[in-house]
Protein backbone atom coordinates (compact mmCIF):
# COMPACT_ATOMS: atom_id res chain seq x y z
CA MET A 1 -46.82 21.57 8.78
CA THR A 2 -48.39 23.21 11.81
CA TRP A 3 -50.85 21.59 14.19
CA GLN A 4 -52.29 21.79 17.66
CA ARG A 5 -52.08 18.93 20.13
CA VAL A 6 -54.83 16.44 19.36
CA PRO A 7 -54.82 12.65 19.56
CA ALA A 8 -52.33 11.33 17.02
CA ASP A 9 -54.88 9.33 15.03
CA ARG A 10 -56.99 12.45 14.40
CA MET A 11 -53.92 14.52 13.60
CA LEU A 12 -52.73 11.94 11.10
CA ARG A 13 -56.07 11.54 9.40
CA ALA A 14 -55.69 14.94 7.73
CA ASP A 15 -52.06 14.47 6.74
CA ASP A 16 -51.81 10.71 6.32
CA LYS A 17 -51.71 10.92 2.51
CA ALA A 18 -50.86 14.55 1.83
CA LEU A 19 -47.58 14.78 3.72
CA PRO A 20 -46.01 11.51 2.44
CA ALA A 21 -47.07 12.43 -1.09
CA TRP A 22 -45.45 15.83 -0.74
CA ALA A 23 -42.23 14.28 0.58
CA ALA A 24 -42.18 11.67 -2.19
CA GLY A 25 -42.38 14.40 -4.82
CA MET A 26 -39.33 16.27 -3.48
CA ASP A 27 -35.86 15.27 -4.59
CA ALA A 28 -33.64 14.09 -1.74
CA THR A 29 -36.46 14.51 0.81
CA ALA A 30 -37.33 11.86 3.37
CA PHE A 31 -38.87 11.64 6.81
CA ALA A 32 -36.20 12.15 9.46
CA GLY A 33 -38.37 11.93 12.57
CA VAL A 34 -40.70 14.00 14.70
CA ALA A 35 -40.02 16.87 17.09
CA GLY A 36 -42.10 18.97 19.43
CA TYR A 37 -41.87 21.47 22.27
CA ASP A 38 -43.85 20.51 25.36
CA GLY A 39 -43.31 23.89 27.01
CA ALA A 40 -45.85 25.44 24.63
CA VAL A 41 -48.76 23.26 25.77
CA ALA A 42 -48.43 23.36 29.57
CA HIS A 43 -47.24 25.80 32.23
CA GLY A 44 -46.30 25.29 35.86
CA ARG A 45 -46.00 22.02 37.76
CA SER A 46 -49.63 21.30 38.58
CA GLY A 47 -51.03 17.83 38.01
CA ASP A 48 -52.90 19.05 34.94
CA ALA A 49 -49.77 20.62 33.49
CA LEU A 50 -47.73 17.45 33.97
CA HIS A 51 -50.51 15.39 32.39
CA ASP A 52 -50.78 17.70 29.36
CA ALA A 53 -47.02 17.73 28.81
CA GLY A 54 -46.89 13.93 28.98
CA ALA A 55 -49.86 13.57 26.64
CA PHE A 56 -48.21 15.87 24.13
CA VAL A 57 -45.01 13.80 24.08
CA ALA A 58 -47.08 10.59 23.85
CA ASP A 59 -48.71 12.06 20.74
CA LEU A 60 -45.26 12.57 19.20
CA VAL A 61 -44.39 8.96 19.94
CA ALA A 62 -47.67 7.81 18.36
CA LEU A 63 -46.92 9.84 15.24
CA HIS A 64 -43.43 8.33 15.08
CA GLU A 65 -44.87 4.83 15.41
CA THR A 66 -47.29 5.48 12.54
CA LEU A 67 -44.47 6.76 10.35
CA LEU A 68 -42.16 3.77 10.94
CA PRO A 69 -42.95 2.14 7.55
CA ARG A 70 -42.15 5.39 5.76
CA TYR A 71 -38.68 6.03 7.22
CA ASP A 72 -35.69 5.02 5.12
CA ASP A 73 -34.09 3.71 8.32
CA PRO A 74 -36.44 3.53 11.33
CA ALA A 75 -33.51 3.01 13.70
CA ALA A 76 -32.05 6.37 12.66
CA ALA A 77 -35.31 8.34 12.92
CA ILE A 78 -35.23 11.01 15.62
CA VAL A 79 -37.95 11.58 18.22
CA THR A 80 -37.17 14.64 20.29
CA ALA A 81 -38.89 16.88 22.81
CA GLY A 82 -37.96 18.66 25.98
CA GLY A 83 -37.29 22.01 27.55
CA SER A 84 -36.64 23.45 30.97
CA ALA A 85 -39.96 22.76 32.66
CA PHE A 86 -40.72 19.09 31.92
CA PRO A 87 -37.49 17.14 31.23
CA ASP A 88 -38.52 14.52 33.77
CA VAL A 89 -41.89 13.99 32.09
CA VAL A 90 -40.28 13.81 28.65
CA ALA A 91 -37.67 11.34 29.92
CA ASP A 92 -40.34 9.01 31.30
CA VAL A 93 -42.38 8.96 28.06
CA LEU A 94 -39.39 8.62 25.73
CA ALA A 95 -37.78 5.92 27.89
CA GLU A 96 -40.91 3.80 27.60
CA ALA A 97 -40.99 4.37 23.84
CA ALA A 98 -37.31 3.59 23.39
CA ALA A 99 -37.82 0.23 25.10
CA ARG A 100 -40.29 -0.94 22.44
CA LEU A 101 -39.70 1.10 19.26
CA PRO A 102 -36.75 1.69 16.91
CA GLY A 103 -35.43 5.23 16.68
CA ARG A 104 -33.16 7.77 18.33
CA PHE A 105 -34.98 9.28 21.33
CA VAL A 106 -33.43 12.62 22.27
CA ILE A 107 -34.25 14.83 25.27
CA ARG A 108 -33.37 18.44 24.53
CA SER A 109 -31.45 20.12 27.30
CA GLY A 110 -33.49 23.26 27.99
CA ALA A 111 -32.00 25.74 30.46
CA SER A 112 -29.28 23.46 31.80
CA LEU A 113 -26.36 25.78 31.02
CA ILE A 114 -27.93 29.04 32.19
CA HIS A 115 -30.51 28.43 34.92
CA ASP A 116 -32.47 31.45 36.19
CA GLU A 117 -33.91 32.98 39.36
CA GLY A 118 -37.43 33.53 38.09
CA TYR A 119 -39.81 31.38 36.06
CA TYR A 120 -37.62 28.31 35.54
CA ARG A 121 -36.48 28.29 39.15
CA SER A 122 -40.17 27.97 40.04
CA VAL A 123 -40.91 25.09 37.63
CA SER A 124 -37.70 23.13 37.05
CA PRO A 125 -37.62 19.72 38.74
CA PHE A 126 -33.85 20.14 39.12
CA ASP A 127 -33.67 23.50 40.92
CA GLY A 128 -31.60 22.96 44.03
CA ALA A 129 -30.56 19.52 42.80
CA GLY A 130 -27.67 20.48 40.55
CA LEU A 131 -28.96 23.52 38.66
CA ARG A 132 -27.87 26.94 39.91
CA PRO A 133 -28.45 30.41 38.43
CA ALA A 134 -25.55 31.32 36.17
CA ALA A 135 -26.34 34.86 34.99
CA ARG A 136 -27.16 38.07 36.80
CA ALA A 137 -27.24 41.78 36.09
CA ILE A 138 -26.05 44.82 38.04
CA ALA A 139 -27.96 48.08 37.66
CA ARG A 140 -27.42 51.51 39.19
CA VAL A 141 -30.00 53.69 40.90
CA VAL A 142 -30.38 56.78 38.74
CA SER A 143 -33.43 58.34 40.40
CA THR A 144 -35.41 58.10 43.64
CA PRO A 145 -38.51 60.17 42.82
CA GLU A 146 -40.50 59.14 45.89
CA PRO A 147 -40.11 56.98 49.02
CA GLY A 148 -40.18 53.29 48.13
CA LEU A 149 -39.46 53.82 44.41
CA ALA A 150 -36.07 53.76 42.69
CA LEU A 151 -35.36 53.86 38.96
CA LEU A 152 -32.54 51.60 37.76
CA ASP A 153 -30.52 51.97 34.56
CA ALA A 154 -31.44 48.51 33.23
CA GLY A 155 -34.44 47.89 31.01
CA LYS A 156 -35.71 45.84 28.11
CA ARG A 157 -32.39 46.24 26.31
CA ASP A 158 -30.55 44.64 29.23
CA VAL A 159 -32.67 41.99 30.97
CA PRO A 160 -35.35 39.44 29.99
CA TYR A 161 -38.91 40.55 30.67
CA ASP A 162 -41.13 38.28 28.57
CA LEU A 163 -42.00 35.78 31.34
CA ASP A 164 -41.16 37.57 34.60
CA GLN A 165 -39.54 40.80 35.68
CA PRO A 166 -35.98 40.76 37.04
CA VAL A 167 -35.63 39.73 40.69
CA PRO A 168 -33.92 42.30 42.98
CA LEU A 169 -31.52 40.33 45.15
CA ALA A 170 -29.44 42.87 47.08
CA ARG A 171 -27.98 46.35 47.26
CA LEU A 172 -24.24 46.42 46.60
CA ASP A 173 -21.64 48.54 48.37
CA ALA A 174 -18.72 50.01 46.46
CA ASP A 175 -16.64 46.94 47.37
CA GLY A 176 -19.42 44.54 46.33
CA THR A 177 -20.71 43.72 49.81
CA ARG A 178 -24.38 42.78 49.66
CA HIS A 179 -27.11 44.29 51.79
CA PRO A 180 -30.70 43.00 51.87
CA LEU A 181 -33.45 45.08 50.33
CA GLY A 182 -35.85 43.99 53.06
CA THR A 183 -36.50 41.26 55.58
CA SER A 184 -37.79 38.84 52.92
CA THR A 185 -37.53 38.31 49.19
CA THR A 186 -40.99 39.80 48.72
CA ASP A 187 -40.07 43.16 50.26
CA ALA A 188 -38.49 44.36 47.01
CA ARG A 189 -39.76 43.86 43.48
CA ILE A 190 -39.43 45.20 39.97
CA ASP A 191 -42.85 46.52 39.02
CA ALA A 192 -42.08 47.17 35.35
CA VAL A 193 -39.34 47.82 32.84
CA ASN A 194 -39.32 50.18 29.92
CA ASP A 195 -36.68 50.53 27.21
CA GLN A 196 -33.76 51.51 29.46
CA HIS A 197 -35.08 51.62 33.04
CA ALA A 198 -36.52 49.36 35.72
CA PHE A 199 -38.91 50.45 38.46
CA LEU A 200 -37.76 49.07 41.83
CA ARG A 201 -40.30 49.08 44.66
CA THR A 202 -39.10 48.65 48.25
CA ASP A 203 -40.29 49.39 51.74
CA PRO A 204 -39.79 53.16 52.20
CA ALA A 205 -37.68 52.39 55.28
CA VAL A 206 -35.12 50.46 53.20
CA PRO A 207 -32.13 52.70 52.37
CA VAL A 208 -31.82 52.89 48.58
CA ALA A 209 -29.93 55.98 47.47
CA LEU A 210 -28.95 57.63 44.21
CA GLY A 211 -25.86 55.87 42.84
CA ASP A 212 -26.41 52.59 44.67
CA ARG A 213 -25.98 49.40 42.66
CA VAL A 214 -28.62 46.67 42.74
CA LEU A 215 -27.97 43.00 41.98
CA LEU A 216 -30.70 41.53 39.77
CA GLY A 217 -31.56 37.91 39.17
CA ARG A 218 -32.89 37.16 35.70
CA SER A 219 -35.90 35.19 34.53
CA HIS A 220 -36.05 33.13 31.32
CA PRO A 221 -32.62 32.16 29.96
CA CYS A 222 -33.85 32.01 26.36
CA THR A 223 -34.06 35.80 26.14
CA MET A 224 -30.86 36.64 28.03
CA PHE A 225 -28.45 36.29 25.16
CA ASP A 226 -29.87 38.80 22.68
CA LYS A 227 -29.22 41.73 25.02
CA GLY A 228 -25.56 42.33 24.26
CA ARG A 229 -22.85 41.53 21.74
CA LEU A 230 -20.33 40.63 24.46
CA LEU A 231 -21.21 38.97 27.77
CA PRO A 232 -18.60 38.90 30.55
CA VAL A 233 -17.76 35.57 32.17
CA VAL A 234 -16.80 35.72 35.86
CA ALA A 235 -14.82 33.30 37.99
CA ASP A 236 -17.54 33.03 40.65
CA LEU A 237 -21.00 34.57 40.38
CA ASP A 238 -21.28 34.73 44.18
CA ASP A 239 -18.05 36.69 44.77
CA ALA A 240 -18.53 40.13 46.33
CA ASP A 241 -16.55 41.67 43.45
CA PRO A 242 -16.48 39.00 40.70
CA LEU A 243 -13.35 38.69 38.59
CA ILE A 244 -14.02 38.81 34.83
CA VAL A 245 -12.11 35.95 33.19
CA GLY A 246 -13.47 35.99 29.67
CA LEU A 247 -16.02 37.23 27.17
CA ILE A 248 -18.69 35.41 25.15
CA GLU A 249 -19.64 36.82 21.77
CA THR A 250 -23.32 36.46 20.98
CA ARG A 251 -24.66 36.23 17.46
CA PHE A 252 -28.29 37.07 16.72
């Protein structure tokens, strides 16, 4: 069943009889609960976005409440929502529901294991309050075709690009020492990425030379893990020359 966010009573009117009848006609099929993803209906942390996210989760709760007579065990029915942008909003709505309704109310974790330095840093209510970026990339300068432009050997195969471009953090010396790419974080930016390259723009006065390495922050953890079969784990992400202590195998 697919649907857009509308008030729960209108949403149920179309499916009130059809969906239970379908479930009743399937062997070993029963309602297990309701689930939704609030990140698809709101973006950012504006007042309107917070309202829309909360209204979406309230709709899920209303649907769950309507389905209570149809669960085999209402206390075991799952109501779940959540993501990286609105866990606080989801927690508030589900906490109120859990105080008055039977069920298992579950907040999904979102980007709590791998925080980022792009989109979710800008929207997460927990950035700076426990969440820290946990994945970065290092790319090499392979061409400097004109002042203020450097081409890096990292592209769509290596870094997420679906929400924001990678964030250039520093130039790295051979020993890993970091040097700023300008006087502020806005002095350097990735304009675009293609299959295997990124286009780094800097102030022409900033020294970026062929062979230099550039430390990149990543944006959007969800699309970090399909970029390689083995991801190195380091002892400390902030070390000048991080020690690799393990490998994670990804499976996609």
